[in-house]
Amino acid sequence: MNTIPTPNRIIDLLGGTAQTATLAHSGWTTVSEWRKLKRIPLGKMILLAYPLEVASNGRYDRKRMFPTLWRQIWPELESK
């Protein structure tokens, strides 16, 4: 299983372009570009990681998506 889904899958799981834009504090045109470029910038992916974890019922969890960074970003996950 991939640890991070494709940008299209992420955007779809999060409720579409407009909803993802809201969650990422970005414009919908920016999110549309992520679809075209097939990449979401790291900083925006970090913002979307928790909503994605919830929307996917844990299938895409933050520890697996960010195996080398999660302790720095979400230290509270250490006990989970």
Protein backbone atom coordinates (compact mmCIF):
# COMPACT_ATOMS: atom_id res chain seq x y z
CA MET A 1 0.00 0.00 0.00
CA ASN A 2 1.24 3.49 -0.84
CA THR A 3 1.92 5.62 2.22
CA ILE A 4 0.65 8.77 0.50
CA PRO A 5 -2.18 8.68 -2.03
CA THR A 6 -2.06 10.64 -5.27
CA PRO A 7 -2.97 14.33 -5.14
CA ASN A 8 -6.21 13.58 -7.01
CA ARG A 9 -7.15 10.94 -4.43
CA ILE A 10 -6.29 13.28 -1.55
CA ILE A 11 -8.39 16.09 -2.99
CA ASP A 12 -11.30 13.74 -3.66
CA LEU A 13 -11.13 12.23 -0.16
CA LEU A 14 -11.14 15.71 1.35
CA GLY A 15 -14.34 16.65 -0.46
CA GLY A 16 -13.10 18.18 -3.69
CA THR A 17 -11.20 21.20 -4.83
CA ALA A 18 -13.07 23.89 -2.89
CA GLN A 19 -13.06 21.98 0.41
CA THR A 20 -9.37 21.11 0.05
CA ALA A 21 -8.59 24.76 -0.70
CA THR A 22 -10.32 25.77 2.53
CA LEU A 23 -8.45 23.15 4.56
CA ALA A 24 -5.11 24.14 3.02
CA HIS A 25 -5.71 27.90 3.31
CA SER A 26 -5.26 28.16 -0.46
CA GLY A 27 -7.29 29.21 -3.46
CA TRP A 28 -9.22 26.68 -5.48
CA THR A 29 -7.13 27.53 -8.55
CA THR A 30 -4.02 26.54 -6.60
CA VAL A 31 -5.58 23.21 -5.67
CA SER A 32 -6.55 22.68 -9.32
CA GLU A 33 -2.89 23.20 -10.21
CA TRP A 34 -1.92 20.48 -7.71
CA ARG A 35 -4.14 18.11 -9.67
CA LYS A 36 -2.45 19.08 -12.95
CA LEU A 37 1.08 18.97 -11.52
CA LYS A 38 0.37 15.76 -9.59
CA ARG A 39 2.01 17.13 -6.44
CA ILE A 40 1.04 18.96 -3.29
CA PRO A 41 3.73 21.12 -1.66
CA LEU A 42 5.10 19.70 1.60
CA GLY A 43 3.81 22.54 3.77
CA LYS A 44 0.30 22.17 2.40
CA MET A 45 0.48 18.39 2.71
CA ILE A 46 1.31 18.82 6.39
CA LEU A 47 -1.82 20.97 6.80
CA LEU A 48 -3.92 18.36 5.02
CA ALA A 49 -2.48 15.31 6.78
CA TYR A 50 -4.82 15.25 9.77
CA PRO A 51 -8.01 15.90 7.77
CA LEU A 52 -6.85 13.21 5.33
CA GLU A 53 -6.25 10.77 8.18
CA VAL A 54 -9.80 11.40 9.43
CA ALA A 55 -11.42 11.32 5.98
CA SER A 56 -9.70 8.01 5.14
CA ASN A 57 -10.64 6.44 8.51
CA GLY A 58 -6.96 6.06 9.33
CA ARG A 59 -5.97 4.37 6.10
CA TYR A 60 -3.56 7.23 5.44
CA ASP A 61 -2.11 8.04 8.83
CA ARG A 62 0.39 10.77 9.60
CA LYS A 63 3.07 8.42 10.90
CA ARG A 64 3.15 6.48 7.62
CA MET A 65 2.82 9.55 5.42
CA PHE A 66 5.69 11.32 7.19
CA PRO A 67 7.90 8.54 8.57
CA THR A 68 10.90 10.81 9.19
CA LEU A 69 9.07 13.99 10.18
CA TRP A 70 6.00 13.03 12.21
CA ARG A 71 7.77 13.24 15.60
CA GLN A 72 8.78 16.85 14.89
CA ILE A 73 5.39 17.88 13.52
CA TRP A 74 3.03 15.92 15.79
CA PRO A 75 4.95 14.87 18.94
CA GLU A 76 1.66 13.94 20.60
CA LEU A 77 1.48 10.90 18.30
CA GLU A 78 4.40 9.33 20.16
CA SER A 79 2.01 7.71 22.61
CA LYS A 80 -0.29 6.36 19.88
